[in-house]
Amino acid sequence: MEYIDVIWRHELASEPVRLVSELDGARFETRKLEFFRDGTVGFASTGAATGSTNLGLVPVPCLAEINADPEFDGTAMTPEEFEVLWLLHARPAKH
């Protein structure tokens, strides 16, 4: 598994400003968090998703390719860093 944290610089109110993903060996997302400007966080995994957040349908480019676009600033993260964010934000809605 690989873990990435990508800041997306844009002015679109409906799009996330930070994307945090867990990638499998083929670079497909297995879990993802999307952080929005208004403070909300969406999540998606193979078993659940919230709001407009979904797993990507194509492999995620390598960080060098992501960072070649000035709108993005991506870094690698540790599995432990990802898990902290996942446990904090990927909670099913309470009814």
PDB file of N, CA and C in Angstrom:
ATOM      1  N   MET A   1       0.838  -1.190   0.000  1.00  0.00           N
ATOM      2  CA  MET A   1       0.000   0.000   0.000  1.00  0.00           C
ATOM      3  C   MET A   1       0.877   1.244   0.000  1.00  0.00           C
ATOM      4  N   GLU A   2       0.328   2.278  -0.607  1.00  0.00           N
ATOM      5  CA  GLU A   2       0.969   3.587  -0.612  1.00  0.00           C
ATOM      6  C   GLU A   2      -0.064   4.593  -0.119  1.00  0.00           C
ATOM      7  N   TYR A   3       0.404   5.636   0.542  1.00  0.00           N
ATOM      8  CA  TYR A   3      -0.484   6.643   1.119  1.00  0.00           C
ATOM      9  C   TYR A   3      -0.031   8.017   0.665  1.00  0.00           C
ATOM     10  N   ILE A   4      -0.979   8.812   0.141  1.00  0.00           N
ATOM     11  CA  ILE A   4      -0.626  10.143  -0.346  1.00  0.00           C
ATOM     12  C   ILE A   4      -1.576  11.198   0.212  1.00  0.00           C
ATOM     13  N   ASP A   5      -1.050  12.402   0.326  1.00  0.00           N
ATOM     14  CA  ASP A   5      -1.784  13.554   0.846  1.00  0.00           C
ATOM     15  C   ASP A   5      -1.585  14.672  -0.174  1.00  0.00           C
ATOM     16  N   VAL A   6      -2.670  15.089  -0.830  1.00  0.00           N
ATOM     17  CA  VAL A   6      -2.568  16.051  -1.925  1.00  0.00           C
ATOM     18  C   VAL A   6      -3.417  17.283  -1.630  1.00  0.00           C
ATOM     19  N   ILE A   7      -2.774  18.434  -1.653  1.00  0.00           N
ATOM     20  CA  ILE A   7      -3.467  19.715  -1.551  1.00  0.00           C
ATOM     21  C   ILE A   7      -3.842  20.139  -2.971  1.00  0.00           C
ATOM     22  N   TRP A   8      -5.102  20.550  -3.151  1.00  0.00           N
ATOM     23  CA  TRP A   8      -5.587  20.998  -4.460  1.00  0.00           C
ATOM     24  C   TRP A   8      -5.953  22.472  -4.345  1.00  0.00           C
ATOM     25  N   ARG A   9      -5.189  23.335  -5.030  1.00  0.00           N
ATOM     26  CA  ARG A   9      -5.412  24.771  -4.986  1.00  0.00           C
ATOM     27  C   ARG A   9      -6.366  25.175  -6.119  1.00  0.00           C
ATOM     28  N   HIS A  10      -7.555  25.607  -5.752  1.00  0.00           N
ATOM     29  CA  HIS A  10      -8.567  26.024  -6.724  1.00  0.00           C
ATOM     30  C   HIS A  10      -9.604  26.882  -6.018  1.00  0.00           C
ATOM     31  N   GLU A  11     -10.555  27.393  -6.782  1.00  0.00           N
ATOM     32  CA  GLU A  11     -11.605  28.263  -6.234  1.00  0.00           C
ATOM     33  C   GLU A  11     -12.991  27.625  -6.311  1.00  0.00           C
ATOM     34  N   LEU A  12     -13.084  26.352  -6.611  1.00  0.00           N
ATOM     35  CA  LEU A  12     -14.369  25.674  -6.777  1.00  0.00           C
ATOM     36  C   LEU A  12     -14.942  25.290  -5.412  1.00  0.00           C
ATOM     37  N   ALA A  13     -16.054  25.879  -5.053  1.00  0.00           N
ATOM     38  CA  ALA A  13     -16.646  25.645  -3.728  1.00  0.00           C
ATOM     39  C   ALA A  13     -17.104  24.202  -3.539  1.00  0.00           C
ATOM     40  N   SER A  14     -17.473  23.531  -4.618  1.00  0.00           N
ATOM     41  CA  SER A  14     -18.029  22.174  -4.503  1.00  0.00           C
ATOM     42  C   SER A  14     -16.975  21.067  -4.553  1.00  0.00           C
ATOM     43  N   GLU A  15     -15.716  21.435  -4.718  1.00  0.00           N
ATOM     44  CA  GLU A  15     -14.650  20.433  -4.835  1.00  0.00           C
ATOM     45  C   GLU A  15     -13.764  20.443  -3.599  1.00  0.00           C
ATOM     46  N   PRO A  16     -13.163  19.286  -3.258  1.00  0.00           N
ATOM     47  CA  PRO A  16     -12.285  19.226  -2.086  1.00  0.00           C
ATOM     48  C   PRO A  16     -10.998  20.016  -2.304  1.00  0.00           C
ATOM     49  N   VAL A  17     -10.402  20.442  -1.195  1.00  0.00           N
ATOM     50  CA  VAL A  17      -9.129  21.151  -1.240  1.00  0.00           C
ATOM     51  C   VAL A  17      -7.968  20.260  -0.782  1.00  0.00           C
ATOM     52  N   ARG A  18      -8.312  19.085  -0.251  1.00  0.00           N
ATOM     53  CA  ARG A  18      -7.288  18.120   0.178  1.00  0.00           C
ATOM     54  C   ARG A  18      -7.829  16.723  -0.081  1.00  0.00           C
ATOM     55  N   LEU A  19      -6.969  15.887  -0.663  1.00  0.00           N
ATOM     56  CA  LEU A  19      -7.331  14.500  -0.965  1.00  0.00           C
ATOM     57  C   LEU A  19      -6.297  13.590  -0.311  1.00  0.00           C
ATOM     58  N   VAL A  20      -6.751  12.676   0.495  1.00  0.00           N
ATOM     59  CA  VAL A  20      -5.863  11.743   1.183  1.00  0.00           C
ATOM     60  C   VAL A  20      -6.287  10.342   0.765  1.00  0.00           C
ATOM     61  N   SER A  21      -5.347   9.591   0.171  1.00  0.00           N
ATOM     62  CA  SER A  21      -5.714   8.298  -0.409  1.00  0.00           C
ATOM     63  C   SER A  21      -4.790   7.175   0.017  1.00  0.00           C
ATOM     64  N   GLU A  22      -5.389   5.990   0.154  1.00  0.00           N
ATOM     65  CA  GLU A  22      -4.664   4.740   0.314  1.00  0.00           C
ATOM     66  C   GLU A  22      -4.713   4.063  -1.055  1.00  0.00           C
ATOM     67  N   LEU A  23      -3.544   3.709  -1.598  1.00  0.00           N
ATOM     68  CA  LEU A  23      -3.460   3.120  -2.926  1.00  0.00           C
ATOM     69  C   LEU A  23      -2.934   1.697  -2.850  1.00  0.00           C
ATOM     70  N   ASP A  24      -3.517   0.808  -3.677  1.00  0.00           N
ATOM     71  CA  ASP A  24      -3.012  -0.562  -3.734  1.00  0.00           C
ATOM     72  C   ASP A  24      -1.789  -0.620  -4.657  1.00  0.00           C
ATOM     73  N   GLY A  25      -1.261  -1.810  -4.883  1.00  0.00           N
ATOM     74  CA  GLY A  25      -0.057  -1.982  -5.690  1.00  0.00           C
ATOM     75  C   GLY A  25      -0.195  -1.522  -7.125  1.00  0.00           C
ATOM     76  N   ALA A  26      -1.413  -1.481  -7.643  1.00  0.00           N
ATOM     77  CA  ALA A  26      -1.668  -1.002  -9.002  1.00  0.00           C
ATOM     78  C   ALA A  26      -2.056   0.480  -9.002  1.00  0.00           C
ATOM     79  N   ARG A  27      -1.968   1.131  -7.835  1.00  0.00           N
ATOM     80  CA  ARG A  27      -2.260   2.556  -7.641  1.00  0.00           C
ATOM     81  C   ARG A  27      -3.744   2.897  -7.726  1.00  0.00           C
ATOM     82  N   PHE A  28      -4.608   1.917  -7.514  1.00  0.00           N
ATOM     83  CA  PHE A  28      -6.039   2.188  -7.398  1.00  0.00           C
ATOM     84  C   PHE A  28      -6.336   2.557  -5.953  1.00  0.00           C
ATOM     85  N   GLU A  29      -7.265   3.503  -5.763  1.00  0.00           N
ATOM     86  CA  GLU A  29      -7.655   3.891  -4.419  1.00  0.00           C
ATOM     87  C   GLU A  29      -8.442   2.767  -3.747  1.00  0.00           C
ATOM     88  N   THR A  30      -8.092   2.490  -2.498  1.00  0.00           N
ATOM     89  CA  THR A  30      -8.853   1.535  -1.695  1.00  0.00           C
ATOM     90  C   THR A  30      -9.616   2.248  -0.573  1.00  0.00           C
ATOM     91  N   ARG A  31      -9.080   3.394  -0.148  1.00  0.00           N
ATOM     92  CA  ARG A  31      -9.767   4.264   0.803  1.00  0.00           C
ATOM     93  C   ARG A  31      -9.362   5.700   0.480  1.00  0.00           C
ATOM     94  N   LYS A  32     -10.299   6.636   0.684  1.00  0.00           N
ATOM     95  CA  LYS A  32     -10.013   8.029   0.368  1.00  0.00           C
ATOM     96  C   LYS A  32     -10.788   8.945   1.302  1.00  0.00           C
ATOM     97  N   LEU A  33     -10.143  10.046   1.668  1.00  0.00           N
ATOM     98  CA  LEU A  33     -10.774  11.142   2.408  1.00  0.00           C
ATOM     99  C   LEU A  33     -10.691  12.393   1.544  1.00  0.00           C
ATOM    100  N   GLU A  34     -11.777  13.155   1.506  1.00  0.00           N
ATOM    101  CA  GLU A  34     -11.802  14.433   0.807  1.00  0.00           C
ATOM    102  C   GLU A  34     -12.175  15.525   1.806  1.00  0.00           C
ATOM    103  N   PHE A  35     -11.316  16.525   1.934  1.00  0.00           N
ATOM    104  CA  PHE A  35     -11.519  17.636   2.862  1.00  0.00           C
ATOM    105  C   PHE A  35     -11.985  18.851   2.069  1.00  0.00           C
ATOM    106  N   PHE A  36     -13.103  19.438   2.502  1.00  0.00           N
ATOM    107  CA  PHE A  36     -13.694  20.561   1.792  1.00  0.00           C
ATOM    108  C   PHE A  36     -13.437  21.870   2.534  1.00  0.00           C
ATOM    109  N   ARG A  37     -13.513  22.959   1.794  1.00  0.00           N
ATOM    110  CA  ARG A  37     -13.249  24.291   2.312  1.00  0.00           C
ATOM    111  C   ARG A  37     -14.145  24.624   3.512  1.00  0.00           C
ATOM    112  N   ASP A  38     -15.379  24.114   3.528  1.00  0.00           N
ATOM    113  CA  ASP A  38     -16.310  24.425   4.618  1.00  0.00           C
ATOM    114  C   ASP A  38     -16.088  23.575   5.872  1.00  0.00           C
ATOM    115  N   GLY A  39     -15.063  22.722   5.842  1.00  0.00           N
ATOM    116  CA  GLY A  39     -14.743  21.905   7.008  1.00  0.00           C
ATOM    117  C   GLY A  39     -15.311  20.499   6.973  1.00  0.00           C
ATOM    118  N   THR A  40     -16.181  20.200   6.019  1.00  0.00           N
ATOM    119  CA  THR A  40     -16.713  18.845   5.930  1.00  0.00           C
ATOM    120  C   THR A  40     -15.667  17.909   5.328  1.00  0.00           C
ATOM    121  N   VAL A  41     -15.813  16.634   5.662  1.00  0.00           N
ATOM    122  CA  VAL A  41     -14.906  15.610   5.160  1.00  0.00           C
ATOM    123  C   VAL A  41     -15.745  14.455   4.636  1.00  0.00           C
ATOM    124  N   GLY A  42     -15.500  14.087   3.389  1.00  0.00           N
ATOM    125  CA  GLY A  42     -16.152  12.918   2.804  1.00  0.00           C
ATOM    126  C   GLY A  42     -15.186  11.753   2.800  1.00  0.00           C
ATOM    127  N   PHE A  43     -15.726  10.544   2.811  1.00  0.00           N
ATOM    128  CA  PHE A  43     -14.849   9.376   2.729  1.00  0.00           C
ATOM    129  C   PHE A  43     -15.452   8.332   1.827  1.00  0.00           C
ATOM    130  N   ALA A  44     -14.566   7.488   1.306  1.00  0.00           N
ATOM    131  CA  ALA A  44     -15.003   6.358   0.487  1.00  0.00           C
ATOM    132  C   ALA A  44     -14.047   5.196   0.706  1.00  0.00           C
ATOM    133  N   SER A  45     -14.626   3.995   0.695  1.00  0.00           N
ATOM    134  CA  SER A  45     -13.849   2.758   0.759  1.00  0.00           C
ATOM    135  C   SER A  45     -14.581   1.740  -0.102  1.00  0.00           C
ATOM    136  N   THR A  46     -14.068   0.531  -0.148  1.00  0.00           N
ATOM    137  CA  THR A  46     -14.749  -0.487  -0.945  1.00  0.00           C
ATOM    138  C   THR A  46     -16.112  -0.846  -0.365  1.00  0.00           C
ATOM    139  N   GLY A  47     -16.353  -0.520   0.905  1.00  0.00           N
ATOM    140  CA  GLY A  47     -17.611  -0.898   1.529  1.00  0.00           C
ATOM    141  C   GLY A  47     -18.559   0.228   1.870  1.00  0.00           C
ATOM    142  N   ALA A  48     -18.112   1.488   1.744  1.00  0.00           N
ATOM    143  CA  ALA A  48     -18.963   2.608   2.146  1.00  0.00           C
ATOM    144  C   ALA A  48     -18.474   3.890   1.488  1.00  0.00           C
ATOM    145  N   ALA A  49     -19.380   4.871   1.418  1.00  0.00           N
ATOM    146  CA  ALA A  49     -19.021   6.183   0.899  1.00  0.00           C
ATOM    147  C   ALA A  49     -20.001   7.212   1.444  1.00  0.00           C
ATOM    148  N   THR A  50     -19.556   8.474   1.478  1.00  0.00           N
ATOM    149  CA  THR A  50     -20.430   9.559   1.919  1.00  0.00           C
ATOM    150  C   THR A  50     -20.492  10.629   0.847  1.00  0.00           C
ATOM    151  N   GLY A  51     -21.644  11.261   0.740  1.00  0.00           N
ATOM    152  CA  GLY A  51     -21.805  12.394  -0.160  1.00  0.00           C
ATOM    153  C   GLY A  51     -21.342  12.114  -1.567  1.00  0.00           C
ATOM    154  N   SER A  52     -20.560  13.040  -2.096  1.00  0.00           N
ATOM    155  CA  SER A  52     -20.065  12.924  -3.464  1.00  0.00           C
ATOM    156  C   SER A  52     -18.716  12.223  -3.539  1.00  0.00           C
ATOM    157  N   THR A  53     -18.196  11.751  -2.415  1.00  0.00           N
ATOM    158  CA  THR A  53     -16.880  11.114  -2.392  1.00  0.00           C
ATOM    159  C   THR A  53     -16.983   9.669  -2.865  1.00  0.00           C
ATOM    160  N   ASN A  54     -16.175   9.335  -3.860  1.00  0.00           N
ATOM    161  CA  ASN A  54     -16.115   7.976  -4.396  1.00  0.00           C
ATOM    162  C   ASN A  54     -14.675   7.615  -4.682  1.00  0.00           C
ATOM    163  N   LEU A  55     -14.399   6.318  -4.734  1.00  0.00           N
ATOM    164  CA  LEU A  55     -13.072   5.876  -5.137  1.00  0.00           C
ATOM    165  C   LEU A  55     -12.894   6.122  -6.626  1.00  0.00           C
ATOM    166  N   GLY A  56     -11.665   6.453  -7.017  1.00  0.00           N
ATOM    167  CA  GLY A  56     -11.369   6.678  -8.428  1.00  0.00           C
ATOM    168  C   GLY A  56     -11.503   5.393  -9.237  1.00  0.00           C
ATOM    169  N   LEU A  57     -11.775   5.549 -10.512  1.00  0.00           N
ATOM    170  CA  LEU A  57     -11.952   4.399 -11.409  1.00  0.00           C
ATOM    171  C   LEU A  57     -10.700   4.070 -12.201  1.00  0.00           C
ATOM    172  N   VAL A  58      -9.683   4.917 -12.100  1.00  0.00           N
ATOM    173  CA  VAL A  58      -8.422   4.699 -12.799  1.00  0.00           C
ATOM    174  C   VAL A  58      -7.279   4.823 -11.794  1.00  0.00           C
ATOM    175  N   PRO A  59      -6.109   4.261 -12.116  1.00  0.00           N
ATOM    176  CA  PRO A  59      -4.970   4.383 -11.198  1.00  0.00           C
ATOM    177  C   PRO A  59      -4.583   5.842 -10.971  1.00  0.00           C
ATOM    178  N   VAL A  60      -4.146   6.148  -9.763  1.00  0.00           N
ATOM    179  CA  VAL A  60      -3.696   7.495  -9.401  1.00  0.00           C
ATOM    180  C   VAL A  60      -2.274   7.680  -9.935  1.00  0.00           C
ATOM    181  N   PRO A  61      -2.005   8.815 -10.580  1.00  0.00           N
ATOM    182  CA  PRO A  61      -0.640   9.060 -11.074  1.00  0.00           C
ATOM    183  C   PRO A  61       0.362   9.106  -9.929  1.00  0.00           C
ATOM    184  N   CYS A  62       1.640   8.933 -10.259  1.00  0.00           N
ATOM    185  CA  CYS A  62       2.692   9.030  -9.246  1.00  0.00           C
ATOM    186  C   CYS A  62       2.782  10.470  -8.759  1.00  0.00           C
ATOM    187  N   LEU A  63       3.394  10.673  -7.595  1.00  0.00           N
ATOM    188  CA  LEU A  63       3.474  12.015  -7.013  1.00  0.00           C
ATOM    189  C   LEU A  63       4.213  12.995  -7.912  1.00  0.00           C
ATOM    190  N   ALA A  64       5.230  12.541  -8.621  1.00  0.00           N
ATOM    191  CA  ALA A  64       5.956  13.441  -9.526  1.00  0.00           C
ATOM    192  C   ALA A  64       5.022  13.983 -10.604  1.00  0.00           C
ATOM    193  N   GLU A  65       4.157  13.130 -11.126  1.00  0.00           N
ATOM    194  CA  GLU A  65       3.202  13.559 -12.150  1.00  0.00           C
ATOM    195  C   GLU A  65       2.144  14.489 -11.553  1.00  0.00           C
ATOM    196  N   ILE A  66       1.648  14.148 -10.371  1.00  0.00           N
ATOM    197  CA  ILE A  66       0.672  15.009  -9.689  1.00  0.00           C
ATOM    198  C   ILE A  66       1.278  16.390  -9.454  1.00  0.00           C
ATOM    199  N   ASN A  67       2.503  16.416  -8.944  1.00  0.00           N
ATOM    200  CA  ASN A  67       3.150  17.675  -8.585  1.00  0.00           C
ATOM    201  C   ASN A  67       3.623  18.475  -9.794  1.00  0.00           C
ATOM    202  N   ALA A  68       3.599  17.896 -10.979  1.00  0.00           N
ATOM    203  CA  ALA A  68       3.940  18.642 -12.195  1.00  0.00           C
ATOM    204  C   ALA A  68       2.872  19.672 -12.522  1.00  0.00           C
ATOM    205  N   ASP A  69       1.666  19.489 -11.978  1.00  0.00           N
ATOM    206  CA  ASP A  69       0.579  20.447 -12.161  1.00  0.00           C
ATOM    207  C   ASP A  69       0.625  21.435 -10.997  1.00  0.00           C
ATOM    208  N   PRO A  70       0.771  22.739 -11.273  1.00  0.00           N
ATOM    209  CA  PRO A  70       0.902  23.714 -10.179  1.00  0.00           C
ATOM    210  C   PRO A  70      -0.309  23.814  -9.259  1.00  0.00           C
ATOM    211  N   GLU A  71      -1.461  23.266  -9.662  1.00  0.00           N
ATOM    212  CA  GLU A  71      -2.634  23.282  -8.786  1.00  0.00           C
ATOM    213  C   GLU A  71      -2.498  22.289  -7.628  1.00  0.00           C
ATOM    214  N   PHE A  72      -1.574  21.322  -7.748  1.00  0.00           N
ATOM    215  CA  PHE A  72      -1.476  20.250  -6.766  1.00  0.00           C
ATOM    216  C   PHE A  72      -0.143  20.257  -6.036  1.00  0.00           C
ATOM    217  N   ASP A  73      -0.196  19.862  -4.780  1.00  0.00           N
ATOM    218  CA  ASP A  73       1.007  19.687  -3.961  1.00  0.00           C
ATOM    219  C   ASP A  73       0.825  18.390  -3.186  1.00  0.00           C
ATOM    220  N   GLY A  74       1.414  17.318  -3.697  1.00  0.00           N
ATOM    221  CA  GLY A  74       1.250  16.006  -3.082  1.00  0.00           C
ATOM    222  C   GLY A  74       2.490  15.531  -2.363  1.00  0.00           C
ATOM    223  N   THR A  75       2.272  14.837  -1.247  1.00  0.00           N
ATOM    224  CA  THR A  75       3.364  14.246  -0.481  1.00  0.00           C
ATOM    225  C   THR A  75       2.976  12.830  -0.071  1.00  0.00           C
ATOM    226  N   ALA A  76       3.978  12.028   0.200  1.00  0.00           N
ATOM    227  CA  ALA A  76       3.739  10.692   0.747  1.00  0.00           C
ATOM    228  C   ALA A  76       3.445  10.824   2.234  1.00  0.00           C
ATOM    229  N   MET A  77       2.678   9.874   2.742  1.00  0.00           N
ATOM    230  CA  MET A  77       2.428   9.840   4.177  1.00  0.00           C
ATOM    231  C   MET A  77       2.593   8.398   4.659  1.00  0.00           C
ATOM    232  N   THR A  78       2.739   8.222   5.946  1.00  0.00           N
ATOM    233  CA  THR A  78       2.911   6.881   6.502  1.00  0.00           C
ATOM    234  C   THR A  78       1.548   6.225   6.683  1.00  0.00           C
ATOM    235  N   PRO A  79       1.522   4.899   6.749  1.00  0.00           N
ATOM    236  CA  PRO A  79       0.256   4.224   7.041  1.00  0.00           C
ATOM    237  C   PRO A  79      -0.351   4.700   8.360  1.00  0.00           C
ATOM    238  N   GLU A  80       0.491   4.973   9.334  1.00  0.00           N
ATOM    239  CA  GLU A  80       0.004   5.413  10.643  1.00  0.00           C
ATOM    240  C   GLU A  80      -0.660   6.782  10.550  1.00  0.00           C
ATOM    241  N   GLU A  81      -0.074   7.699   9.783  1.00  0.00           N
ATOM    242  CA  GLU A  81      -0.674   9.020   9.599  1.00  0.00           C
ATOM    243  C   GLU A  81      -2.034   8.897   8.915  1.00  0.00           C
ATOM    244  N   PHE A  82      -2.111   8.026   7.911  1.00  0.00           N
ATOM    245  CA  PHE A  82      -3.380   7.815   7.224  1.00  0.00           C
ATOM    246  C   PHE A  82      -4.425   7.266   8.194  1.00  0.00           C
ATOM    247  N   GLU A  83      -4.065   6.274   8.982  1.00  0.00           N
ATOM    248  CA  GLU A  83      -5.015   5.640   9.905  1.00  0.00           C
ATOM    249  C   GLU A  83      -5.576   6.628  10.920  1.00  0.00           C
ATOM    250  N   VAL A  84      -4.735   7.536  11.407  1.00  0.00           N
ATOM    251  CA  VAL A  84      -5.212   8.548  12.353  1.00  0.00           C
ATOM    252  C   VAL A  84      -6.313   9.375  11.706  1.00  0.00           C
ATOM    253  N   LEU A  85      -6.076   9.854  10.479  1.00  0.00           N
ATOM    254  CA  LEU A  85      -7.090  10.644   9.775  1.00  0.00           C
ATOM    255  C   LEU A  85      -8.327   9.807   9.471  1.00  0.00           C
ATOM    256  N   TRP A  86      -8.122   8.563   9.042  1.00  0.00           N
ATOM    257  CA  TRP A  86      -9.250   7.683   8.697  1.00  0.00           C
ATOM    258  C   TRP A  86     -10.147   7.455   9.912  1.00  0.00           C
ATOM    259  N   LEU A  87      -9.549   7.111  11.040  1.00  0.00           N
ATOM    260  CA  LEU A  87     -10.334   6.839  12.246  1.00  0.00           C
ATOM    261  C   LEU A  87     -11.058   8.091  12.740  1.00  0.00           C
ATOM    262  N   LEU A  88     -10.469   9.256  12.508  1.00  0.00           N
ATOM    263  CA  LEU A  88     -11.081  10.515  12.939  1.00  0.00           C
ATOM    264  C   LEU A  88     -12.240  10.931  12.051  1.00  0.00           C
ATOM    265  N   HIS A  89     -12.140  10.686  10.743  1.00  0.00           N
ATOM    266  CA  HIS A  89     -13.106  11.243   9.801  1.00  0.00           C
ATOM    267  C   HIS A  89     -14.026  10.246   9.099  1.00  0.00           C
ATOM    268  N   ALA A  90     -13.671   8.994   9.039  1.00  0.00           N
ATOM    269  CA  ALA A  90     -14.475   8.023   8.273  1.00  0.00           C
ATOM    270  C   ALA A  90     -15.438   7.283   9.196  1.00  0.00           C
ATOM    271  N   ARG A  91     -16.408   8.019   9.672  1.00  0.00           N
ATOM    272  CA  ARG A  91     -17.394   7.425  10.584  1.00  0.00           C
ATOM    273  C   ARG A  91     -18.761   7.406   9.901  1.00  0.00           C
ATOM    274  N   PRO A  92     -19.420   6.292   9.966  1.00  0.00           N
ATOM    275  CA  PRO A  92     -20.773   6.262   9.388  1.00  0.00           C
ATOM    276  C   PRO A  92     -21.678   7.265  10.085  1.00  0.00           C
ATOM    277  N   ALA A  93     -22.597   7.802   9.341  1.00  0.00           N
ATOM    278  CA  ALA A  93     -23.557   8.756   9.908  1.00  0.00           C
ATOM    279  C   ALA A  93     -24.425   8.063  10.955  1.00  0.00           C
ATOM    280  N   LYS A  94     -24.684   8.768  12.028  1.00  0.00           N
ATOM    281  CA  LYS A  94     -25.547   8.216  13.081  1.00  0.00           C
ATOM    282  C   LYS A  94     -26.986   8.591  12.777  1.00  0.00           C
ATOM    283  N   HIS A  95     -27.908   7.629  12.957  1.00  0.00           N
ATOM    284  CA  HIS A  95     -29.319   7.874  12.671  1.00  0.00           C
ATOM    285  C   HIS A  95     -30.118   8.040  13.945  1.00  0.00           C
TER     286      HIS A  95
END
